[in-house]
N, C-alpha and C. Protein backbone atom coordinates (compact mmCIF):
# COMPACT_ATOMS: atom_id res chain seq x y z
N MET A 1 1.25 -1.17 0.40
CA MET A 1 0.06 -0.28 0.20
C MET A 1 0.79 1.16 -0.45
N ASP A 2 1.93 1.32 0.31
CA ASP A 2 2.97 2.21 0.60
C ASP A 2 3.83 2.53 -0.83
N LEU A 3 3.73 1.52 -1.54
CA LEU A 3 4.38 2.20 -2.76
C LEU A 3 3.16 2.65 -3.90
N ALA A 4 1.74 1.90 -3.64
CA ALA A 4 0.89 2.90 -4.37
C ALA A 4 0.79 4.66 -3.80
N ARG A 5 0.64 3.88 -2.69
CA ARG A 5 1.04 5.80 -2.13
C ARG A 5 1.61 6.70 -2.80
N VAL A 6 3.28 6.17 -2.68
CA VAL A 6 4.09 7.11 -3.21
C VAL A 6 3.91 7.21 -4.50
N LEU A 7 3.50 6.18 -5.18
CA LEU A 7 3.28 6.66 -6.87
C LEU A 7 2.55 7.51 -7.40
N ILE A 8 1.21 7.46 -6.73
CA ILE A 8 -0.14 8.37 -6.81
C ILE A 8 0.46 9.29 -6.53
N ASN A 9 1.41 9.93 -5.86
CA ASN A 9 1.31 10.94 -5.32
C ASN A 9 2.98 11.82 -6.35
N PHE A 10 3.39 10.66 -6.88
CA PHE A 10 4.45 11.57 -7.63
C PHE A 10 3.32 11.32 -8.70
N PHE A 11 2.21 10.95 -9.46
CA PHE A 11 1.89 11.23 -10.50
C PHE A 11 0.55 12.36 -10.09
N ARG A 12 0.61 12.36 -9.46
CA ARG A 12 -0.25 14.29 -8.37
C ARG A 12 0.90 14.94 -8.88
N VAL A 13 2.32 15.34 -8.18
CA VAL A 13 3.05 15.96 -8.80
C VAL A 13 3.50 16.37 -10.42
N GLU A 14 3.34 15.48 -10.89
CA GLU A 14 4.04 15.99 -12.02
C GLU A 14 2.51 15.75 -13.00
N SER A 15 1.71 15.86 -12.43
CA SER A 15 0.68 16.29 -13.56
C SER A 15 0.64 17.73 -13.95
N CYS A 16 0.63 17.82 -15.13
CA CYS A 16 0.65 18.87 -15.98
C CYS A 16 -0.42 20.33 -15.50
N GLY A 17 -1.94 18.91 -15.08
CA GLY A 17 -3.28 19.68 -14.68
C GLY A 17 -4.27 20.02 -15.95
N LYS A 18 -3.42 19.65 -16.83
CA LYS A 18 -4.95 19.73 -18.22
C LYS A 18 -5.66 19.18 -18.43
N CYS A 19 -5.54 17.64 -17.88
CA CYS A 19 -7.61 17.70 -18.21
C CYS A 19 -7.42 17.07 -16.67
N THR A 20 -8.68 17.04 -16.54
CA THR A 20 -10.02 17.15 -15.21
C THR A 20 -9.20 15.67 -14.60
N PRO A 21 -9.44 14.49 -15.17
CA PRO A 21 -9.42 13.41 -15.05
C PRO A 21 -7.95 13.35 -14.09
N CYS A 22 -6.21 13.41 -14.87
CA CYS A 22 -6.03 13.83 -13.97
C CYS A 22 -5.29 14.44 -12.90
N ARG A 23 -5.80 15.50 -12.74
CA ARG A 23 -5.32 16.69 -11.95
C ARG A 23 -6.54 16.64 -10.58
N ILE A 24 -7.47 15.94 -10.72
CA ILE A 24 -8.34 15.76 -9.79
C ILE A 24 -8.27 14.49 -9.27
N GLY A 25 -8.28 13.76 -10.55
CA GLY A 25 -8.01 11.95 -10.26
C GLY A 25 -7.12 11.54 -9.14
N THR A 26 -6.28 12.28 -9.18
CA THR A 26 -5.21 11.75 -9.06
C THR A 26 -4.56 12.39 -7.72
N LYS A 27 -5.32 13.38 -7.18
CA LYS A 27 -5.38 14.55 -5.90
C LYS A 27 -6.38 13.79 -5.28
N ARG A 28 -7.27 13.41 -5.70
CA ARG A 28 -8.34 12.06 -4.90
C ARG A 28 -7.85 10.91 -4.38
N ALA A 29 -7.38 10.14 -5.50
CA ALA A 29 -6.80 9.05 -5.46
C ALA A 29 -6.21 9.04 -3.42
N HIS A 30 -5.23 9.89 -4.34
CA HIS A 30 -4.03 9.80 -2.89
C HIS A 30 -4.59 10.57 -1.36
N ASP A 31 -6.11 11.50 -1.65
CA ASP A 31 -6.08 11.97 -0.45
C ASP A 31 -7.20 10.40 -0.16
N LEU A 32 -7.78 9.62 -0.13
CA LEU A 32 -7.92 8.21 -0.13
C LEU A 32 -7.04 7.41 0.25
N LEU A 33 -5.41 7.51 -0.29
CA LEU A 33 -4.54 6.30 -0.07
C LEU A 33 -4.47 7.25 1.07
N GLU A 34 -3.66 8.20 1.69
CA GLU A 34 -3.51 8.67 2.80
C GLU A 34 -4.52 8.37 4.00
N GLY A 35 -5.92 8.71 3.88
CA GLY A 35 -6.22 8.61 4.92
C GLY A 35 -6.81 6.65 5.12
N ILE A 36 -6.98 6.20 4.33
CA ILE A 36 -6.44 4.69 4.81
C ILE A 36 -5.05 4.50 5.34
N SER A 37 -4.22 5.16 5.01
CA SER A 37 -2.98 4.38 5.81
C SER A 37 -2.79 5.00 6.92
N ARG A 38 -4.14 5.94 7.40
CA ARG A 38 -3.41 6.34 8.87
C ARG A 38 -4.76 5.86 9.56
N GLY A 39 -5.74 4.94 8.70
CA GLY A 39 -6.41 4.51 9.80
C GLY A 39 -7.83 4.62 9.64
N LYS A 40 -8.03 5.75 8.73
CA LYS A 40 -9.32 6.39 8.43
C LYS A 40 -9.93 6.24 7.49
N GLY A 41 -9.72 4.87 6.53
CA GLY A 41 -10.40 5.12 6.22
C GLY A 41 -11.66 4.15 5.46
N THR A 42 -12.05 3.97 4.58
CA THR A 42 -13.32 2.91 4.74
C THR A 42 -12.98 1.73 3.54
N LEU A 43 -14.55 1.35 3.87
CA LEU A 43 -14.48 -0.19 3.14
C LEU A 43 -15.19 1.27 1.36
N GLU A 44 -15.95 1.57 1.07
CA GLU A 44 -16.52 2.26 0.38
C GLU A 44 -14.90 3.30 -0.49
N ASP A 45 -14.02 3.25 0.73
CA ASP A 45 -13.17 3.80 -0.14
C ASP A 45 -12.47 3.16 -1.26
N LEU A 46 -12.66 2.26 -0.78
CA LEU A 46 -11.78 0.91 -1.93
C LEU A 46 -12.81 0.99 -3.39
N ASP A 47 -14.01 1.51 -3.41
CA ASP A 47 -14.99 1.24 -4.46
C ASP A 47 -14.40 2.24 -5.26
N SER A 48 -14.55 3.63 -4.26
CA SER A 48 -14.13 5.09 -5.22
C SER A 48 -12.65 4.56 -5.74
N LEU A 49 -10.91 3.92 -4.77
CA LEU A 49 -10.28 3.64 -5.41
C LEU A 49 -10.41 3.01 -6.97
N GLN A 50 -11.21 2.51 -6.93
CA GLN A 50 -10.96 1.35 -7.76
C GLN A 50 -12.02 2.26 -8.90
N ALA A 51 -12.91 2.70 -9.20
CA ALA A 51 -13.91 3.11 -10.19
C ALA A 51 -12.52 4.55 -10.58
N LEU A 52 -11.62 5.43 -9.66
CA LEU A 52 -10.83 6.56 -10.68
C LEU A 52 -9.34 5.65 -11.13
N SER A 53 -9.61 4.34 -10.95
CA SER A 53 -8.39 3.96 -11.75
C SER A 53 -8.80 3.47 -13.34
N GLN A 54 -9.98 3.05 -13.48
CA GLN A 54 -10.56 2.80 -14.13
C GLN A 54 -10.83 4.66 -14.96
N GLU A 55 -11.29 5.30 -14.57
CA GLU A 55 -11.67 6.76 -14.98
C GLU A 55 -9.85 7.08 -15.42
N LEU A 56 -9.05 7.38 -14.32
CA LEU A 56 -7.19 7.58 -15.21
C LEU A 56 -7.17 6.85 -16.32
N LEU A 57 -6.98 5.82 -16.30
CA LEU A 57 -6.82 4.69 -17.45
C LEU A 57 -8.29 5.66 -18.87
N GLU A 58 -8.93 5.79 -18.66
CA GLU A 58 -9.85 5.90 -20.13
C GLU A 58 -10.32 7.18 -20.27
N LEU A 59 -9.62 8.17 -19.12
CA LEU A 59 -10.66 9.42 -19.47
C LEU A 59 -9.25 10.49 -19.80
N SER A 60 -7.39 10.34 -18.92
CA SER A 60 -6.91 10.87 -19.18
C SER A 60 -6.11 11.55 -20.78
N ASN A 61 -5.75 12.37 -21.20
CA ASN A 61 -5.24 12.70 -21.66
C ASN A 61 -3.70 12.12 -22.28
N CYS A 62 -2.67 11.78 -21.32
CA CYS A 62 -1.53 11.45 -21.64
C CYS A 62 -1.48 10.28 -20.96
N GLY A 63 -0.18 10.16 -21.48
CA GLY A 63 0.17 8.77 -20.59
C GLY A 63 0.60 8.18 -19.67
N LEU A 64 0.57 9.88 -18.56
CA LEU A 64 0.91 10.04 -17.18
C LEU A 64 -0.18 9.37 -16.43
N GLY A 65 -0.83 10.76 -17.03
CA GLY A 65 -2.65 10.48 -16.76
C GLY A 65 -2.82 8.75 -16.70
N GLN A 66 -2.82 8.56 -17.82
CA GLN A 66 -3.28 6.94 -17.88
C GLN A 66 -2.90 5.89 -17.43
N THR A 67 -1.37 5.89 -17.20
CA THR A 67 -0.60 4.71 -16.14
C THR A 67 -0.98 4.92 -14.65
N ALA A 68 -1.40 6.06 -14.05
CA ALA A 68 -1.68 6.73 -13.08
C ALA A 68 -2.61 5.90 -12.17
N GLY A 69 -3.36 5.19 -12.99
CA GLY A 69 -4.55 4.13 -12.23
C GLY A 69 -4.12 2.86 -12.22
N THR A 70 -2.96 2.29 -13.03
CA THR A 70 -2.12 1.20 -12.88
C THR A 70 -1.63 1.06 -11.05
N PRO A 71 -1.31 1.48 -10.11
CA PRO A 71 -0.75 1.11 -9.09
C PRO A 71 -2.08 0.92 -8.46
N ILE A 72 -2.59 2.03 -8.65
CA ILE A 72 -4.33 1.56 -7.73
C ILE A 72 -4.56 0.48 -7.98
N LYS A 73 -4.56 -0.18 -9.33
CA LYS A 73 -5.30 -1.18 -9.94
C LYS A 73 -4.70 -2.33 -8.66
N ASP A 74 -3.18 -2.41 -8.72
CA ASP A 74 -2.37 -3.75 -9.06
C ASP A 74 -2.84 -3.55 -7.39
N MET A 75 -2.60 -2.81 -6.68
CA MET A 75 -2.55 -2.81 -5.06
C MET A 75 -4.16 -3.69 -4.71
N LEU A 76 -5.50 -3.13 -5.21
CA LEU A 76 -6.24 -3.57 -5.35
C LEU A 76 -6.92 -5.19 -5.75
N ALA A 77 -5.19 -5.44 -7.02
CA ALA A 77 -5.84 -6.73 -7.03
C ALA A 77 -5.00 -7.40 -5.97
N TYR A 78 -3.57 -7.22 -5.81
CA TYR A 78 -2.69 -8.38 -5.27
C TYR A 78 -2.59 -8.03 -3.94
N PHE A 79 -3.17 -6.97 -3.06
CA PHE A 79 -2.68 -6.80 -1.94
C PHE A 79 -4.23 -6.18 -0.92
N ARG A 80 -4.76 -7.18 -1.37
CA ARG A 80 -6.14 -6.19 -1.02
C ARG A 80 -6.75 -6.82 0.33
N ALA A 81 -6.21 -7.01 0.93
CA ALA A 81 -6.65 -7.98 2.65
C ALA A 81 -5.10 -6.80 2.94
N GLU A 82 -4.13 -6.57 2.84
CA GLU A 82 -3.27 -6.14 3.36
C GLU A 82 -4.10 -4.25 3.35
N VAL A 83 -4.66 -3.45 2.48
CA VAL A 83 -4.98 -2.53 2.75
C VAL A 83 -6.26 -2.98 3.32
N GLU A 84 -7.29 -3.70 2.93
CA GLU A 84 -8.54 -3.72 4.43
C GLU A 84 -8.17 -4.13 6.14
N ALA A 85 -6.57 -4.60 6.15
CA ALA A 85 -6.46 -4.55 7.64
C ALA A 85 -6.18 -3.18 7.91
N HIS A 86 -6.26 -2.38 7.57
CA HIS A 86 -6.07 -0.62 7.86
C HIS A 86 -7.10 -0.52 7.79
N ILE A 87 -7.60 -0.63 7.46
CA ILE A 87 -9.77 -0.38 7.68
C ILE A 87 -10.24 -1.07 8.57
N ARG A 88 -10.10 -2.89 8.41
CA ARG A 88 -10.65 -3.14 9.00
C ARG A 88 -10.22 -2.95 10.33
N LEU A 89 -9.11 -3.51 10.85
CA LEU A 89 -8.16 -3.53 11.78
C LEU A 89 -7.75 -2.49 12.12
N GLY A 90 -7.16 -1.59 11.98
CA GLY A 90 -6.76 -0.54 12.29
C GLY A 90 -5.25 -0.27 12.06
N ILE A 91 -4.67 -1.43 11.53
CA ILE A 91 -3.40 -2.43 11.27
C ILE A 91 -3.06 -2.04 10.65
N CYS A 92 -1.73 -1.49 10.16
CA CYS A 92 -1.05 -1.65 9.21
C CYS A 92 0.17 -2.99 8.89
N PRO A 93 0.03 -4.04 8.25
CA PRO A 93 0.84 -5.50 8.56
C PRO A 93 2.32 -5.20 8.37
N VAL A 94 2.56 -4.49 7.85
CA VAL A 94 3.77 -4.18 7.36
C VAL A 94 4.56 -3.21 8.17
N GLY A 95 3.64 -2.52 8.51
CA GLY A 95 4.23 -1.61 10.11
C GLY A 95 4.93 -0.25 9.72
N VAL A 96 4.87 -0.11 8.10
CA VAL A 96 5.36 1.32 7.32
C VAL A 96 4.28 2.56 7.22
N CYS A 97 3.08 2.69 7.55
CA CYS A 97 1.73 3.10 7.81
C CYS A 97 1.79 4.30 8.54
N PRO A 98 2.03 5.62 9.11
CA PRO A 98 1.32 6.18 9.67
C PRO A 98 0.03 6.56 10.33
N MET A 99 -0.51 5.09 11.16
CA MET A 99 -1.55 4.59 11.78
C MET A 99 -1.65 5.78 13.19
N HIS A 100 -3.02 6.41 12.92
CA HIS A 100 -3.30 7.10 13.82
C HIS A 100 -2.84 8.25 14.58
N ASP A 101 -2.06 8.82 13.66
CA ASP A 101 -1.67 9.51 13.58
C ASP A 101 -2.18 11.44 12.94
């Protein structure tokens, strides 16, 4: 989860801001991942992240925006249990997230 959060932050910072899906989508995804990493996420956030990743892929004008959804999609596909532990149990299984700051 931490890697996805770092990558989304990179895409957010590097976005040129010309297209709305990339400008707003990467910020929203980053905010959701930050909340989850701090133990303040909900299961609905996972649905929002899934939708955002698909919208970034389909609606962004350039490769940066289109690629930005990949870390989210992969995180949910391969590490969903870890992300859900942040939400359901309030713990970071690998101990890198700033839980409850």
